[in-house]
Each structure stands twice: as C-alpha cells, then as structure tokens.
Amino acid sequence: MKPSINKLFLVVLLACSLAACSDDKPQPVPEKPQETAAPAAPQTPAETPKPAAEKPAAKPKPQPKKNVVYTAAQLAARLKEWDKKLGTLSTQFKQTTSYDGVEVSRSQGALFYDKAQNFLRLDTFARTGETEQSAITDKKEIIILDETGAKVTTLSWKEWQQGQPNQALFDFGNYTALVDKHNASVQSQNADEAVLVLTPKEGSDYTLYLTLSKRDFFPSVIAVEAELMLTRAELSGARKNTPLGADVFGGFFK
C-alpha cells in the first residue's frame, strides 16, 4: 500500500508545481488608448502695421539761378520789389570809413526798422559788444540815448541823416525813390550776387554801391564813395518780416 500512496502523492505534487508555474507567467498589460491631440485654435492673422503718415516736405529755400546775368534795369526792378515787400527788418552791421585807402573809423551795431510805423533804431556797439549809444527815429525827429537807455537829446532827422557818411544805410523802405533818383549800372556779378552801381542824376557827386544777393536781392553790402572817402557797411544776420519786440522803439513815439 505505501508505494502506491507515494506515487499518488508525487503525481499531485507535480500537478501543483505545473499550476504554480502557469500562474507565474506575466499577464499581458492592456494597451492605453492613444490620446487624441486637441485641434489647434485658429490663429488670427496679425494686423499689418499702418505706415506712419509722412510729414510734408519743407519748401526749399530759393536758390540763386545759375549763370543768370542781370541787367542794371532788372536788378533795380528786383530791388524795388524786395523793398515794397519789406515790413520789418533787424540786422547786424559793421561799418568802416577810409580816406584814400587808409581806414579812419570803424563801428558796429544793430539796425531795426518797422515800415508800418516808419520807425528806425540804430544801436552802436563798443568793441566788447555793449551798447554805447542808440538813435531812435520816426523819420521826423531822432532821439539819442546813452548806454543806459536814458534820453540825451533830440535832433532833426534830416539834419542828423545829412551828417551820416552812408545815408543809404537808413533808406530801408525807401529804395524805390532812391533808385529813381539815380542812374544804374552793373559793376560786376557772379552766380551768387551782383553789384549795382547808382550815381545821382543831379546834385552831389558820389557813387553808391549795392551788393545784392541773387537769392532774394537783399543788399548785403552798402557802400558810398565821394571823392577819396569810402564808407562801407556789411550787413549780416538779417531777419526780414519777423515781429520785433515791443520794447525795441521804447514807446518814445506814439
């Protein structure tokens, strides 16, 4: 009986071992469903930036015409046109007077003119730039001021003007009448400027030279020669038809 029991026990043990082996085999893992990517949101097209508004181009300043040769009559006519359009003027000047080629005096200053009121002011500067004296006129009488602006004296305009070696320096606004009293010729000219020569039709013997810019026909140099005396005024920094300060003429003339 014992050998049969042992065989039976061996069969049972073998069956259990096989069952255990079959349980140890790895089980297949179920595959996860693949995630479907969410559809991308539609992109809004980027707005095209609008080009910045272009500023209107500045008007170019008038330039002298190249190789244009003017006659004396044409230059005189252009000078009259310029003078008629002049409303106000402020300019610096340097003036020299020489006798027979030898300099005898030198001055510098500023000139202001208001055509509507017929006012003119002349400031004379020291070499250091401070005002030494001022003359303010309404073309009838002239008031002289000292360096502090205090009134010194009053003179007749005609008497004062006649004592000036370069009267044409104070004739702004009156160049039409000045030109009509003279014969005109051209001394020289280039692409940028021309020198208009005026000699009186009658009376005193002198020669007036006006160096005119061909850009706007403003006189940059005013010179007068009588016998051996030459007075020459160079103008610079001219500002035409711009407002003048209320205090320029000091309220002396109402």
C-alpha atoms as a PDB file:
ATOM      1  CA  MET A   1       0.000   0.000   0.000  1.00  0.00           C
ATOM      2  CA  LYS A   2       2.830   2.509   0.768  1.00  0.00           C
ATOM      3  CA  PRO A   3       4.388   2.519  -2.704  1.00  0.00           C
ATOM      4  CA  SER A   4       1.018   3.419  -4.295  1.00  0.00           C
ATOM      5  CA  ILE A   5       0.430   6.263  -1.865  1.00  0.00           C
ATOM      6  CA  ASN A   6       3.873   7.633  -2.570  1.00  0.00           C
ATOM      7  CA  LYS A   7       3.231   7.566  -6.318  1.00  0.00           C
ATOM      8  CA  LEU A   8      -0.074   9.300  -5.881  1.00  0.00           C
ATOM      9  CA  PHE A   9       1.478  11.959  -3.722  1.00  0.00           C
ATOM     10  CA  LEU A  10       4.176  12.535  -6.366  1.00  0.00           C
ATOM     11  CA  VAL A  11       1.567  12.993  -9.086  1.00  0.00           C
ATOM     12  CA  VAL A  12      -0.331  15.524  -7.001  1.00  0.00           C
ATOM     13  CA  LEU A  13       2.852  17.440  -6.195  1.00  0.00           C
ATOM     14  CA  LEU A  14       3.826  17.555  -9.868  1.00  0.00           C
ATOM     15  CA  ALA A  15       0.384  18.843 -10.813  1.00  0.00           C
ATOM     16  CA  CYS A  16       0.631  21.612  -8.213  1.00  0.00           C
ATOM     17  CA  SER A  17       4.066  22.592  -9.496  1.00  0.00           C
ATOM     18  CA  LEU A  18       2.784  22.924 -13.033  1.00  0.00           C
ATOM     19  CA  ALA A  19      -0.153  25.002 -11.866  1.00  0.00           C
ATOM     20  CA  ALA A  20       2.186  27.318  -9.961  1.00  0.00           C
ATOM     21  CA  CYS A  21       4.418  27.690 -12.993  1.00  0.00           C
ATOM     22  CA  SER A  22       1.483  28.608 -15.161  1.00  0.00           C
ATOM     23  CA  ASP A  23       0.407  31.290 -12.623  1.00  0.00           C
ATOM     24  CA  ASP A  24       3.907  32.897 -12.642  1.00  0.00           C
ATOM     25  CA  LYS A  25       3.734  33.773 -16.376  1.00  0.00           C
ATOM     26  CA  PRO A  26       3.348  37.562 -16.889  1.00  0.00           C
ATOM     27  CA  GLN A  27      -0.097  38.635 -17.954  1.00  0.00           C
ATOM     28  CA  PRO A  28      -0.440  40.930 -20.970  1.00  0.00           C
ATOM     29  CA  VAL A  29      -0.980  44.600 -19.953  1.00  0.00           C
ATOM     30  CA  PRO A  30      -3.918  46.188 -21.756  1.00  0.00           C
ATOM     31  CA  GLU A  31      -2.822  48.963 -24.044  1.00  0.00           C
ATOM     32  CA  LYS A  32      -3.939  52.507 -23.103  1.00  0.00           C
ATOM     33  CA  PRO A  33      -5.941  54.252 -25.728  1.00  0.00           C
ATOM     34  CA  GLN A  34      -3.883  56.899 -27.522  1.00  0.00           C
ATOM     35  CA  GLU A  35      -4.832  60.436 -26.563  1.00  0.00           C
ATOM     36  CA  THR A  36      -6.085  62.450 -29.472  1.00  0.00           C
ATOM     37  CA  ALA A  37      -4.488  65.904 -29.606  1.00  0.00           C
ATOM     38  CA  ALA A  38      -6.969  68.735 -29.278  1.00  0.00           C
ATOM     39  CA  PRO A  39      -7.428  70.650 -32.510  1.00  0.00           C
ATOM     40  CA  ALA A  40      -5.312  73.840 -32.567  1.00  0.00           C
ATOM     41  CA  ALA A  41      -7.214  77.075 -32.150  1.00  0.00           C
ATOM     42  CA  PRO A  42      -7.458  79.017 -35.377  1.00  0.00           C
ATOM     43  CA  GLN A  43      -4.834  81.767 -35.468  1.00  0.00           C
ATOM     44  CA  THR A  44      -5.966  85.309 -36.051  1.00  0.00           C
ATOM     45  CA  PRO A  45      -3.834  86.873 -38.760  1.00  0.00           C
ATOM     46  CA  ALA A  46      -1.571  89.598 -37.346  1.00  0.00           C
ATOM     47  CA  GLU A  47      -2.590  93.124 -38.296  1.00  0.00           C
ATOM     48  CA  THR A  48      -0.238  94.775 -40.715  1.00  0.00           C
ATOM     49  CA  PRO A  49       1.050  97.995 -39.112  1.00  0.00           C
ATOM     50  CA  LYS A  50      -0.047 101.096 -40.972  1.00  0.00           C
ATOM     51  CA  PRO A  51       2.792 103.180 -42.322  1.00  0.00           C
ATOM     52  CA  ALA A  52       3.374 106.403 -40.393  1.00  0.00           C
ATOM     53  CA  ALA A  53       1.996 109.450 -42.088  1.00  0.00           C
ATOM     54  CA  GLU A  54       4.740 111.245 -43.911  1.00  0.00           C
ATOM     55  CA  LYS A  55       5.346 114.885 -42.961  1.00  0.00           C
ATOM     56  CA  PRO A  56       5.020 117.282 -45.852  1.00  0.00           C
ATOM     57  CA  ALA A  57       8.406 118.141 -47.198  1.00  0.00           C
ATOM     58  CA  ALA A  58       9.644 121.592 -46.230  1.00  0.00           C
ATOM     59  CA  LYS A  59       9.628 124.075 -49.036  1.00  0.00           C
ATOM     60  CA  PRO A  60      13.165 124.510 -50.307  1.00  0.00           C
ATOM     61  CA  LYS A  61      14.677 127.925 -49.848  1.00  0.00           C
ATOM     62  CA  PRO A  62      15.001 129.880 -53.064  1.00  0.00           C
ATOM     63  CA  GLN A  63      18.411 129.358 -54.571  1.00  0.00           C
ATOM     64  CA  PRO A  64      20.206 131.690 -56.923  1.00  0.00           C
ATOM     65  CA  LYS A  65      19.768 130.728 -60.519  1.00  0.00           C
ATOM     66  CA  LYS A  66      22.987 129.540 -62.006  1.00  0.00           C
ATOM     67  CA  ASN A  67      24.634 131.532 -64.787  1.00  0.00           C
ATOM     68  CA  VAL A  68      21.868 134.162 -64.876  1.00  0.00           C
ATOM     69  CA  VAL A  69      23.183 137.567 -65.885  1.00  0.00           C
ATOM     70  CA  TYR A  70      21.009 140.533 -64.914  1.00  0.00           C
ATOM     71  CA  THR A  71      20.988 143.942 -66.489  1.00  0.00           C
ATOM     72  CA  ALA A  72      21.062 147.081 -64.350  1.00  0.00           C
ATOM     73  CA  ALA A  73      17.378 147.694 -65.060  1.00  0.00           C
ATOM     74  CA  GLN A  74      16.477 144.157 -63.953  1.00  0.00           C
ATOM     75  CA  LEU A  75      18.473 144.465 -60.735  1.00  0.00           C
ATOM     76  CA  ALA A  76      16.903 147.841 -59.981  1.00  0.00           C
ATOM     77  CA  ALA A  77      13.430 146.373 -60.543  1.00  0.00           C
ATOM     78  CA  ARG A  78      14.147 143.406 -58.244  1.00  0.00           C
ATOM     79  CA  LEU A  79      15.454 145.761 -55.563  1.00  0.00           C
ATOM     80  CA  LYS A  80      12.229 147.792 -55.730  1.00  0.00           C
ATOM     81  CA  GLU A  81      10.102 144.639 -55.498  1.00  0.00           C
ATOM     82  CA  TRP A  82      12.015 143.477 -52.432  1.00  0.00           C
ATOM     83  CA  ASP A  83      11.754 146.887 -50.783  1.00  0.00           C
ATOM     84  CA  LYS A  84       7.975 147.074 -51.297  1.00  0.00           C
ATOM     85  CA  LYS A  85       7.506 143.686 -49.596  1.00  0.00           C
ATOM     86  CA  LEU A  86       9.620 144.665 -46.591  1.00  0.00           C
ATOM     87  CA  GLY A  87       7.582 145.097 -43.409  1.00  0.00           C
ATOM     88  CA  THR A  88      10.146 144.764 -40.638  1.00  0.00           C
ATOM     89  CA  LEU A  89      13.893 144.291 -40.551  1.00  0.00           C
ATOM     90  CA  SER A  90      16.548 143.580 -37.951  1.00  0.00           C
ATOM     91  CA  THR A  91      20.190 143.208 -38.934  1.00  0.00           C
ATOM     92  CA  GLN A  92      23.708 143.466 -37.602  1.00  0.00           C
ATOM     93  CA  PHE A  93      26.216 145.704 -39.359  1.00  0.00           C
ATOM     94  CA  LYS A  94      29.918 146.502 -39.446  1.00  0.00           C
ATOM     95  CA  GLN A  95      30.916 149.819 -40.990  1.00  0.00           C
ATOM     96  CA  THR A  96      34.315 151.201 -41.954  1.00  0.00           C
ATOM     97  CA  THR A  97      35.296 154.586 -43.331  1.00  0.00           C
ATOM     98  CA  SER A  98      38.557 155.080 -45.155  1.00  0.00           C
ATOM     99  CA  TYR A  99      40.218 158.065 -46.791  1.00  0.00           C
ATOM    100  CA  ASP A 100      42.418 157.450 -49.788  1.00  0.00           C
ATOM    101  CA  GLY A 101      42.649 153.790 -48.791  1.00  0.00           C
ATOM    102  CA  VAL A 102      43.532 154.462 -45.137  1.00  0.00           C
ATOM    103  CA  GLU A 103      40.954 153.435 -42.533  1.00  0.00           C
ATOM    104  CA  VAL A 104      39.912 156.343 -40.324  1.00  0.00           C
ATOM    105  CA  SER A 105      36.981 154.877 -38.389  1.00  0.00           C
ATOM    106  CA  ARG A 106      35.260 151.609 -37.627  1.00  0.00           C
ATOM    107  CA  SER A 107      31.904 150.905 -35.969  1.00  0.00           C
ATOM    108  CA  GLN A 108      29.482 148.067 -35.415  1.00  0.00           C
ATOM    109  CA  GLY A 109      25.935 147.696 -34.196  1.00  0.00           C
ATOM    110  CA  ALA A 110      22.382 146.693 -34.969  1.00  0.00           C
ATOM    111  CA  LEU A 111      19.597 148.252 -37.007  1.00  0.00           C
ATOM    112  CA  PHE A 112      15.824 147.782 -36.596  1.00  0.00           C
ATOM    113  CA  TYR A 113      13.114 149.005 -38.965  1.00  0.00           C
ATOM    114  CA  ASP A 114       9.309 148.950 -38.839  1.00  0.00           C
ATOM    115  CA  LYS A 115       7.700 150.105 -42.079  1.00  0.00           C
ATOM    116  CA  ALA A 116       4.112 150.343 -40.757  1.00  0.00           C
ATOM    117  CA  GLN A 117       5.136 152.867 -38.084  1.00  0.00           C
ATOM    118  CA  ASN A 118       8.072 154.304 -40.042  1.00  0.00           C
ATOM    119  CA  PHE A 119      10.300 153.678 -37.032  1.00  0.00           C
ATOM    120  CA  LEU A 120      14.018 153.065 -37.227  1.00  0.00           C
ATOM    121  CA  ARG A 121      16.517 152.313 -34.481  1.00  0.00           C
ATOM    122  CA  LEU A 122      20.296 152.252 -34.686  1.00  0.00           C
ATOM    123  CA  ASP A 123      22.379 150.817 -31.842  1.00  0.00           C
ATOM    124  CA  THR A 124      26.119 151.409 -31.839  1.00  0.00           C
ATOM    125  CA  PHE A 125      28.209 148.784 -30.003  1.00  0.00           C
ATOM    126  CA  ALA A 126      31.559 149.029 -28.284  1.00  0.00           C
ATOM    127  CA  ARG A 127      34.259 146.575 -29.321  1.00  0.00           C
ATOM    128  CA  THR A 128      33.285 144.423 -26.356  1.00  0.00           C
ATOM    129  CA  GLY A 129      29.678 144.239 -27.599  1.00  0.00           C
ATOM    130  CA  GLU A 130      27.934 146.545 -25.125  1.00  0.00           C
ATOM    131  CA  THR A 131      25.649 149.279 -26.452  1.00  0.00           C
ATOM    132  CA  GLU A 132      27.383 152.660 -26.459  1.00  0.00           C
ATOM    133  CA  GLN A 133      24.598 154.758 -27.928  1.00  0.00           C
ATOM    134  CA  SER A 134      21.179 154.388 -29.551  1.00  0.00           C
ATOM    135  CA  ALA A 135      19.270 156.549 -32.005  1.00  0.00           C
ATOM    136  CA  ILE A 136      15.512 156.097 -32.440  1.00  0.00           C
ATOM    137  CA  THR A 137      13.535 157.988 -35.073  1.00  0.00           C
ATOM    138  CA  ASP A 138      10.156 158.291 -36.742  1.00  0.00           C
ATOM    139  CA  LYS A 139      11.880 159.934 -39.744  1.00  0.00           C
ATOM    140  CA  LYS A 140      10.836 163.353 -38.410  1.00  0.00           C
ATOM    141  CA  GLU A 141      12.899 163.707 -35.292  1.00  0.00           C
ATOM    142  CA  ILE A 142      15.536 161.493 -33.754  1.00  0.00           C
ATOM    143  CA  ILE A 143      16.094 160.754 -30.070  1.00  0.00           C
ATOM    144  CA  ILE A 144      19.611 159.959 -28.874  1.00  0.00           C
ATOM    145  CA  LEU A 145      20.011 157.609 -25.892  1.00  0.00           C
ATOM    146  CA  ASP A 146      23.126 156.906 -23.854  1.00  0.00           C
ATOM    147  CA  GLU A 147      24.493 153.475 -22.929  1.00  0.00           C
ATOM    148  CA  THR A 148      21.933 153.119 -20.126  1.00  0.00           C
ATOM    149  CA  GLY A 149      18.988 153.912 -22.414  1.00  0.00           C
ATOM    150  CA  ALA A 150      18.450 157.354 -20.905  1.00  0.00           C
ATOM    151  CA  LYS A 151      17.430 160.140 -23.248  1.00  0.00           C
ATOM    152  CA  VAL A 152      20.287 162.536 -24.044  1.00  0.00           C
ATOM    153  CA  THR A 153      18.927 164.853 -26.719  1.00  0.00           C
ATOM    154  CA  THR A 154      16.532 165.243 -29.650  1.00  0.00           C
ATOM    155  CA  LEU A 155      17.608 166.243 -33.148  1.00  0.00           C
ATOM    156  CA  SER A 156      16.046 166.865 -36.532  1.00  0.00           C
ATOM    157  CA  TRP A 157      16.017 163.684 -38.591  1.00  0.00           C
ATOM    158  CA  LYS A 158      17.102 165.447 -41.778  1.00  0.00           C
ATOM    159  CA  GLU A 159      19.976 167.246 -40.087  1.00  0.00           C
ATOM    160  CA  TRP A 160      21.197 164.033 -38.438  1.00  0.00           C
ATOM    161  CA  GLN A 161      20.882 161.960 -41.609  1.00  0.00           C
ATOM    162  CA  GLN A 162      22.773 164.505 -43.693  1.00  0.00           C
ATOM    163  CA  GLY A 163      25.671 164.218 -41.276  1.00  0.00           C
ATOM    164  CA  GLN A 164      25.944 160.450 -41.844  1.00  0.00           C
ATOM    165  CA  PRO A 165      28.508 159.310 -44.416  1.00  0.00           C
ATOM    166  CA  ASN A 166      26.338 156.351 -45.506  1.00  0.00           C
ATOM    167  CA  GLN A 167      22.794 157.682 -45.706  1.00  0.00           C
ATOM    168  CA  ALA A 168      21.607 154.735 -47.802  1.00  0.00           C
ATOM    169  CA  LEU A 169      22.028 152.508 -44.746  1.00  0.00           C
ATOM    170  CA  PHE A 170      18.916 154.171 -43.330  1.00  0.00           C
ATOM    171  CA  ASP A 171      16.803 154.187 -46.500  1.00  0.00           C
ATOM    172  CA  PHE A 172      15.091 150.821 -45.999  1.00  0.00           C
ATOM    173  CA  GLY A 173      11.505 151.111 -47.155  1.00  0.00           C
ATOM    174  CA  ASN A 174      12.508 153.983 -49.453  1.00  0.00           C
ATOM    175  CA  TYR A 175      14.694 152.278 -52.041  1.00  0.00           C
ATOM    176  CA  THR A 176      12.167 152.824 -54.834  1.00  0.00           C
ATOM    177  CA  ALA A 177      12.566 156.607 -54.552  1.00  0.00           C
ATOM    178  CA  LEU A 178      16.321 156.185 -54.092  1.00  0.00           C
ATOM    179  CA  VAL A 179      16.707 154.164 -57.289  1.00  0.00           C
ATOM    180  CA  ASP A 180      14.531 156.561 -59.299  1.00  0.00           C
ATOM    181  CA  LYS A 181      16.885 159.451 -58.432  1.00  0.00           C
ATOM    182  CA  HIS A 182      19.932 157.638 -59.799  1.00  0.00           C
ATOM    183  CA  ASN A 183      21.363 156.206 -62.966  1.00  0.00           C
ATOM    184  CA  ALA A 184      22.040 152.494 -62.648  1.00  0.00           C
ATOM    185  CA  SER A 185      24.795 150.252 -63.985  1.00  0.00           C
ATOM    186  CA  VAL A 186      26.344 146.920 -63.063  1.00  0.00           C
ATOM    187  CA  GLN A 187      29.884 146.807 -61.755  1.00  0.00           C
ATOM    188  CA  SER A 188      30.243 143.020 -61.503  1.00  0.00           C
ATOM    189  CA  GLN A 189      28.275 139.846 -60.848  1.00  0.00           C
ATOM    190  CA  ASN A 190      28.738 136.135 -60.351  1.00  0.00           C
ATOM    191  CA  ALA A 191      26.411 133.188 -59.719  1.00  0.00           C
ATOM    192  CA  ASP A 192      25.552 134.388 -56.195  1.00  0.00           C
ATOM    193  CA  GLU A 193      25.490 138.186 -56.196  1.00  0.00           C
ATOM    194  CA  ALA A 194      25.682 141.337 -58.282  1.00  0.00           C
ATOM    195  CA  VAL A 195      26.957 144.836 -57.550  1.00  0.00           C
ATOM    196  CA  LEU A 196      24.506 147.531 -58.624  1.00  0.00           C
ATOM    197  CA  VAL A 197      26.077 150.973 -59.069  1.00  0.00           C
ATOM    198  CA  LEU A 198      23.949 154.098 -58.591  1.00  0.00           C
ATOM    199  CA  THR A 199      25.067 157.620 -59.478  1.00  0.00           C
ATOM    200  CA  PRO A 200      22.838 160.668 -58.864  1.00  0.00           C
ATOM    201  CA  LYS A 201      21.059 162.121 -61.873  1.00  0.00           C
ATOM    202  CA  GLU A 202      21.682 165.586 -60.463  1.00  0.00           C
ATOM    203  CA  GLY A 203      23.185 167.251 -57.409  1.00  0.00           C
ATOM    204  CA  SER A 204      26.012 165.817 -55.326  1.00  0.00           C
ATOM    205  CA  ASP A 205      28.767 163.796 -56.947  1.00  0.00           C
ATOM    206  CA  TYR A 206      29.113 160.376 -55.328  1.00  0.00           C
ATOM    207  CA  THR A 207      28.781 156.696 -56.196  1.00  0.00           C
ATOM    208  CA  LEU A 208      26.586 154.233 -54.323  1.00  0.00           C
ATOM    209  CA  TYR A 209      27.345 150.512 -54.483  1.00  0.00           C
ATOM    210  CA  LEU A 210      24.732 147.912 -53.517  1.00  0.00           C
ATOM    211  CA  THR A 211      25.861 144.292 -53.407  1.00  0.00           C
ATOM    212  CA  LEU A 212      22.654 142.321 -53.987  1.00  0.00           C
ATOM    213  CA  SER A 213      22.149 138.628 -53.304  1.00  0.00           C
ATOM    214  CA  LYS A 214      20.730 136.834 -56.309  1.00  0.00           C
ATOM    215  CA  ARG A 215      18.709 134.677 -53.927  1.00  0.00           C
ATOM    216  CA  ASP A 216      16.418 137.445 -52.633  1.00  0.00           C
ATOM    217  CA  PHE A 217      18.089 140.697 -53.850  1.00  0.00           C
ATOM    218  CA  PHE A 218      18.683 141.904 -50.301  1.00  0.00           C
ATOM    219  CA  PRO A 219      21.720 144.234 -50.067  1.00  0.00           C
ATOM    220  CA  SER A 220      24.452 142.501 -48.107  1.00  0.00           C
ATOM    221  CA  VAL A 221      26.865 145.422 -48.584  1.00  0.00           C
ATOM    222  CA  ILE A 222      26.058 149.133 -48.882  1.00  0.00           C
ATOM    223  CA  ALA A 223      28.956 151.408 -49.782  1.00  0.00           C
ATOM    224  CA  VAL A 224      29.213 155.079 -50.782  1.00  0.00           C
ATOM    225  CA  GLU A 225      32.236 156.774 -52.298  1.00  0.00           C
ATOM    226  CA  ALA A 226      32.673 160.530 -52.507  1.00  0.00           C
ATOM    227  CA  GLU A 227      35.994 161.937 -53.732  1.00  0.00           C
ATOM    228  CA  LEU A 228      38.575 159.981 -51.689  1.00  0.00           C
ATOM    229  CA  MET A 229      36.221 158.952 -48.871  1.00  0.00           C
ATOM    230  CA  LEU A 230      34.718 155.435 -48.898  1.00  0.00           C
ATOM    231  CA  THR A 231      32.223 154.221 -46.281  1.00  0.00           C
ATOM    232  CA  ARG A 232      31.263 150.554 -46.421  1.00  0.00           C
ATOM    233  CA  ALA A 233      28.636 148.761 -44.314  1.00  0.00           C
ATOM    234  CA  GLU A 234      28.407 144.965 -44.286  1.00  0.00           C
ATOM    235  CA  LEU A 235      25.071 143.540 -43.123  1.00  0.00           C
ATOM    236  CA  SER A 236      24.732 140.121 -41.508  1.00  0.00           C
ATOM    237  CA  GLY A 237      22.106 138.045 -39.703  1.00  0.00           C
ATOM    238  CA  ALA A 238      19.283 139.914 -41.422  1.00  0.00           C
ATOM    239  CA  ARG A 239      15.755 138.910 -40.388  1.00  0.00           C
ATOM    240  CA  LYS A 240      13.033 140.228 -42.665  1.00  0.00           C
ATOM    241  CA  ASN A 241       9.310 140.484 -41.873  1.00  0.00           C
ATOM    242  CA  THR A 242       9.556 138.906 -38.413  1.00  0.00           C
ATOM    243  CA  PRO A 243       7.922 140.514 -35.331  1.00  0.00           C
ATOM    244  CA  LEU A 244      10.053 142.993 -33.410  1.00  0.00           C
ATOM    245  CA  GLY A 245       9.977 143.225 -29.634  1.00  0.00           C
ATOM    246  CA  ALA A 246       7.576 145.754 -28.128  1.00  0.00           C
ATOM    247  CA  ASP A 247      10.470 147.470 -26.360  1.00  0.00           C
ATOM    248  CA  VAL A 248      12.635 147.994 -29.473  1.00  0.00           C
ATOM    249  CA  PHE A 249      11.391 151.531 -30.031  1.00  0.00           C
ATOM    250  CA  GLY A 250      10.850 152.252 -26.348  1.00  0.00           C
ATOM    251  CA  GLY A 251       7.458 153.930 -26.685  1.00  0.00           C
ATOM    252  CA  PHE A 252       9.080 157.284 -27.446  1.00  0.00           C
ATOM    253  CA  PHE A 253       6.780 157.911 -30.403  1.00  0.00           C
ATOM    254  CA  LYS A 254       3.026 157.434 -30.051  1.00  0.00           C
END
